[in-house]
C-alpha cells in the first residue's frame, strides 16, 4: 500500500521517470501464478489488487494508458489469480469461504497470522473496480471478467459486512476487519482481543484512494468513526 502512495506523490512532484520505473518494478514481481508479491510471498492477497489499482491510478495521473494496454496480459493473469483464491475459499470451510470472499490471509495493521479477515477482500474490490472501469472506457473486452468478478465479490462483501457489523459503545456501527468467529475475538481477556481500530487502515486507505463508493457501503462511515474516536 505504501508504494501506491509513494508513486502517486512522485508523480505529483514531477518525478515521472521515477514513477514509471517504480510501476515497472512493481509488476516485475508478478509470479507465474499471476500473484504480485510486494515484499514476501504468501497470503498477502491484497498486494496483487493494489498493483492493479496502482497501475490504473498512475495511468490516470500521467494521462497515458500505454502501460495499461501493455500490461493487459499481466492484469488478466492477476484477476484470474484472485478469482482462484476466492474459488478455493468457497470450496473450503473458512468463514471467508462461507461468505464467498477471498481465502483467509494476512490483514496486517495489528492483526497477525493467516485469518478470516476482510482487508484482502476490501482491496481486491478496489483493484477490480479500477481495472474494470478503465477497461470499459478503453474498450478492452479481454478484461471484462474483472467486472463480473467485482460484481460477485462486492455483493458477497456487502452481505458479509451486514452480518459482521458491530455497535461501538459510542453508538455508531463499524465493521471489524477480523471475523467475529475468529478465536482471537473470543478471548476471555478483552485486552488480548483485537482492538476496534485494528487493521482499519485497509478500509480507510482504500476509501481515500479515489474508489468513490464508501457512501454505499455499510462499513464505510464506521471505519472513519472508530478511527476518529480512538486516535483523537
Protein backbone atom coordinates (compact mmCIF):
# COMPACT_ATOMS: atom_id res chain seq x y z
CA UNK A 1 0.00 0.00 0.00
CA UNK A 2 2.83 2.40 0.82
CA UNK A 3 4.18 2.02 -2.69
CA UNK A 4 0.91 3.20 -4.19
CA UNK A 5 1.02 6.48 -2.29
CA UNK A 6 4.76 6.93 -2.82
CA UNK A 7 4.36 6.60 -6.60
CA UNK A 8 1.40 8.95 -6.55
CA UNK A 9 3.44 11.51 -4.60
CA UNK A 10 6.34 11.15 -7.02
CA UNK A 11 4.00 11.80 -9.93
CA UNK A 12 2.54 14.89 -8.26
CA UNK A 13 6.05 16.25 -7.69
CA UNK A 14 7.03 15.79 -11.34
CA UNK A 15 9.22 12.71 -10.96
CA UNK A 16 7.59 10.98 -13.91
CA UNK A 17 10.56 8.85 -14.88
CA UNK A 18 10.97 7.57 -11.34
CA UNK A 19 7.25 6.84 -11.06
CA UNK A 20 7.35 4.88 -14.32
CA UNK A 21 10.33 2.88 -13.07
CA UNK A 22 8.55 2.16 -9.81
CA UNK A 23 5.48 0.92 -11.64
CA UNK A 24 7.55 -1.38 -13.87
CA UNK A 25 9.39 -2.68 -10.82
CA UNK A 26 6.12 -3.48 -9.06
CA UNK A 27 4.79 -5.56 -11.95
CA UNK A 28 8.18 -7.25 -12.45
CA UNK A 29 7.43 -9.05 -9.17
CA UNK A 30 4.48 -10.92 -10.64
CA UNK A 31 4.79 -14.69 -10.27
CA UNK A 32 3.77 -17.23 -12.93
CA UNK A 33 0.59 -17.83 -10.89
CA UNK A 34 -0.45 -14.23 -11.51
CA UNK A 35 0.17 -13.13 -7.92
CA UNK A 36 2.07 -9.88 -7.46
CA UNK A 37 4.43 -10.03 -4.48
CA UNK A 38 5.26 -6.72 -2.83
CA UNK A 39 7.56 -7.98 -0.09
CA UNK A 40 7.19 -11.66 0.76
CA UNK A 41 5.13 -14.39 -0.94
CA UNK A 42 2.21 -15.90 0.90
CA UNK A 43 -1.30 -14.93 1.81
CA UNK A 44 -0.90 -11.19 1.22
CA UNK A 45 -3.57 -11.38 -1.49
CA UNK A 46 -4.18 -7.62 -1.39
CA UNK A 47 -0.75 -6.89 -2.89
CA UNK A 48 -1.94 -8.19 -6.26
CA UNK A 49 -5.04 -5.98 -6.12
CA UNK A 50 -3.03 -2.95 -5.01
CA UNK A 51 -0.73 -3.42 -8.02
CA UNK A 52 -3.82 -3.37 -10.26
CA UNK A 53 -5.15 -0.26 -8.56
CA UNK A 54 -1.77 1.49 -8.73
CA UNK A 55 -1.44 0.78 -12.46
CA UNK A 56 -4.77 2.45 -13.19
CA UNK A 57 -4.06 5.39 -10.90
CA UNK A 58 -0.66 6.03 -12.47
CA UNK A 59 -2.14 5.97 -15.97
CA UNK A 60 -4.80 8.44 -14.85
CA UNK A 61 -2.23 10.82 -13.40
CA UNK A 62 0.04 10.52 -16.44
CA UNK A 63 -2.93 10.76 -18.83
CA UNK A 64 -1.33 7.98 -20.85
CA UNK A 65 -2.82 4.49 -20.96
CA UNK A 66 0.01 2.77 -22.83
CA UNK A 67 1.21 0.98 -19.67
CA UNK A 68 -2.27 -0.34 -19.03
CA UNK A 69 -2.52 -1.69 -22.58
CA UNK A 70 1.00 -3.14 -22.46
CA UNK A 71 0.33 -4.90 -19.15
CA UNK A 72 -3.10 -6.23 -20.15
CA UNK A 73 -1.90 -9.89 -20.13
CA UNK A 74 -0.42 -9.36 -16.66
CA UNK A 75 -3.59 -7.76 -15.36
CA UNK A 76 -5.68 -10.59 -16.78
CA UNK A 77 -3.49 -13.13 -15.00
CA UNK A 78 -3.78 -11.14 -11.78
CA UNK A 79 -7.58 -11.16 -12.00
CA UNK A 80 -7.57 -14.90 -12.71
CA UNK A 81 -5.32 -15.46 -9.70
CA UNK A 82 -7.69 -13.58 -7.39
CA UNK A 83 -10.70 -15.46 -8.77
CA UNK A 84 -8.86 -18.68 -7.97
CA UNK A 85 -8.24 -17.52 -4.40
CA UNK A 86 -11.95 -16.78 -3.99
CA UNK A 87 -12.98 -20.11 -5.52
CA UNK A 88 -10.54 -22.01 -3.31
CA UNK A 89 -12.06 -20.39 -0.24
CA UNK A 90 -15.60 -21.25 -1.34
CA UNK A 91 -14.58 -24.90 -1.65
CA UNK A 92 -13.29 -24.91 1.94
CA UNK A 93 -14.79 -24.41 5.39
CA UNK A 94 -13.44 -21.00 6.42
CA UNK A 95 -15.67 -18.09 7.38
CA UNK A 96 -14.39 -16.20 4.34
CA UNK A 97 -15.28 -19.12 2.12
CA UNK A 98 -18.79 -19.35 3.52
CA UNK A 99 -19.26 -15.67 2.77
CA UNK A 100 -17.87 -16.02 -0.76
CA UNK A 101 -14.86 -13.78 -0.06
CA UNK A 102 -11.14 -14.23 -0.69
CA UNK A 103 -9.41 -17.01 1.23
CA UNK A 104 -8.09 -16.28 4.74
CA UNK A 105 -4.96 -14.15 4.60
CA UNK A 106 -2.75 -11.64 6.37
CA UNK A 107 -4.52 -8.48 7.45
CA UNK A 108 -1.55 -6.58 8.93
CA UNK A 109 -2.16 -3.40 10.90
CA UNK A 110 -2.42 -5.06 14.31
CA UNK A 111 -3.75 -8.47 13.25
CA UNK A 112 -1.17 -11.22 12.83
CA UNK A 113 -1.30 -14.58 11.14
CA UNK A 114 -3.48 -16.03 8.41
CA UNK A 115 -7.08 -15.46 9.46
CA UNK A 116 -10.60 -14.96 8.16
CA UNK A 117 -10.31 -11.23 7.68
CA UNK A 118 -11.62 -8.61 5.29
CA UNK A 119 -8.67 -6.39 4.31
CA UNK A 120 -7.71 -8.56 1.36
CA UNK A 121 -11.25 -8.54 0.00
CA UNK A 122 -11.58 -4.77 0.58
CA UNK A 123 -8.51 -4.02 -1.52
CA UNK A 124 -9.40 -6.60 -4.14
CA UNK A 125 -12.65 -4.71 -4.66
CA UNK A 126 -10.67 -1.50 -5.13
CA UNK A 127 -8.35 -3.08 -7.69
CA UNK A 128 -11.17 -4.76 -9.61
CA UNK A 129 -13.24 -1.59 -9.71
CA UNK A 130 -10.34 0.46 -11.04
CA UNK A 131 -9.41 -2.12 -13.69
CA UNK A 132 -12.97 -2.80 -14.84
CA UNK A 133 -13.79 0.90 -15.22
CA UNK A 134 -10.57 1.57 -17.13
CA UNK A 135 -11.08 -1.44 -19.40
CA UNK A 136 -14.62 -0.36 -20.18
CA UNK A 137 -13.52 3.17 -21.05
CA UNK A 138 -10.81 1.81 -23.32
CA UNK A 139 -12.98 -0.88 -24.92
CA UNK A 140 -10.74 -3.74 -23.72
CA UNK A 141 -13.06 -6.75 -23.88
CA UNK A 142 -10.29 -9.07 -22.70
CA UNK A 143 -10.68 -7.69 -19.17
CA UNK A 144 -14.45 -7.90 -18.87
CA UNK A 145 -14.05 -10.76 -16.38
CA UNK A 146 -12.86 -8.12 -13.90
CA UNK A 147 -16.33 -6.50 -13.90
CA UNK A 148 -18.11 -9.83 -13.42
CA UNK A 149 -15.82 -10.78 -10.53
CA UNK A 150 -16.17 -7.31 -8.99
CA UNK A 151 -19.97 -7.53 -9.02
CA UNK A 152 -19.92 -11.00 -7.45
CA UNK A 153 -17.36 -10.12 -4.80
CA UNK A 154 -18.98 -6.82 -3.90
CA UNK A 155 -22.37 -8.46 -3.39
CA UNK A 156 -20.77 -11.11 -1.18
CA UNK A 157 -18.83 -8.49 0.81
CA UNK A 158 -21.87 -6.29 1.43
CA UNK A 159 -23.84 -9.30 2.67
CA UNK A 160 -20.95 -10.36 4.92
CA UNK A 161 -20.45 -6.83 6.25
CA UNK A 162 -24.08 -6.56 7.30
CA UNK A 163 -23.71 -9.74 9.36
CA UNK A 164 -20.34 -8.76 10.83
CA UNK A 165 -21.12 -5.15 11.83
CA UNK A 166 -20.54 -4.30 15.49
CA UNK A 167 -22.02 -1.49 17.56
CA UNK A 168 -19.48 0.69 19.34
CA UNK A 169 -20.27 1.88 22.89
CA UNK A 170 -20.49 5.42 21.49
CA UNK A 171 -23.42 4.38 19.33
CA UNK A 172 -22.10 4.02 15.79
CA UNK A 173 -21.69 0.78 13.86
CA UNK A 174 -18.43 -0.34 12.26
CA UNK A 175 -17.00 -3.38 10.54
CA UNK A 176 -14.10 -5.09 12.34
CA UNK A 177 -11.50 -6.29 9.87
CA UNK A 178 -11.45 -9.70 11.57
CA UNK A 179 -14.42 -12.08 11.50
CA UNK A 180 -16.28 -12.40 14.80
CA UNK A 181 -15.85 -16.20 14.54
CA UNK A 182 -12.07 -15.92 14.86
CA UNK A 183 -10.77 -17.32 18.15
CA UNK A 184 -8.93 -14.08 18.92
CA UNK A 185 -12.24 -12.22 19.01
CA UNK A 186 -13.49 -14.60 21.71
CA UNK A 187 -10.51 -14.32 24.07
CA UNK A 188 -11.82 -14.08 27.65
CA UNK A 189 -9.33 -11.28 28.32
CA UNK A 190 -10.65 -8.23 26.46
CA UNK A 191 -7.16 -6.70 26.37
CA UNK A 192 -5.97 -9.64 24.26
CA UNK A 193 -8.70 -9.23 21.65
CA UNK A 194 -8.03 -7.18 18.50
CA UNK A 195 -8.87 -3.54 19.12
CA UNK A 196 -11.72 -1.91 17.16
CA UNK A 197 -9.20 0.07 15.13
CA UNK A 198 -7.05 -2.99 14.28
CA UNK A 199 -6.37 -3.15 10.53
CA UNK A 200 -8.87 -0.37 9.79
CA UNK A 201 -6.09 1.18 7.73
CA UNK A 202 -7.24 -1.03 4.86
CA UNK A 203 -10.74 0.37 4.72
CA UNK A 204 -9.75 3.98 5.35
CA UNK A 205 -6.81 3.99 2.91
CA UNK A 206 -8.92 2.30 0.26
CA UNK A 207 -11.65 4.93 0.57
CA UNK A 208 -9.17 7.78 0.34
CA UNK A 209 -7.73 6.23 -2.82
CA UNK A 210 -10.39 7.52 -5.22
CA UNK A 211 -12.66 4.44 -5.30
CA UNK A 212 -15.73 6.56 -4.52
CA UNK A 213 -18.23 4.05 -3.25
CA UNK A 214 -17.87 4.30 0.50
CA UNK A 215 -21.22 6.10 0.94
CA UNK A 216 -22.95 2.98 -0.39
CA UNK A 217 -21.08 0.54 1.82
CA UNK A 218 -22.44 -0.49 5.23
CA UNK A 219 -18.93 -0.36 6.70
CA UNK A 220 -17.67 3.00 5.43
CA UNK A 221 -18.84 5.54 7.98
CA UNK A 222 -17.99 3.25 10.88
CA UNK A 223 -14.38 2.90 9.74
CA UNK A 224 -13.92 6.66 10.00
CA UNK A 225 -15.83 6.88 13.27
CA UNK A 226 -13.85 4.17 15.01
CA UNK A 227 -10.50 5.63 13.94
CA UNK A 228 -11.62 9.15 14.85
CA UNK A 229 -12.78 8.12 18.32
CA UNK A 230 -9.69 6.10 19.10
CA UNK A 231 -6.99 8.28 17.57
CA UNK A 232 -8.16 11.79 18.52
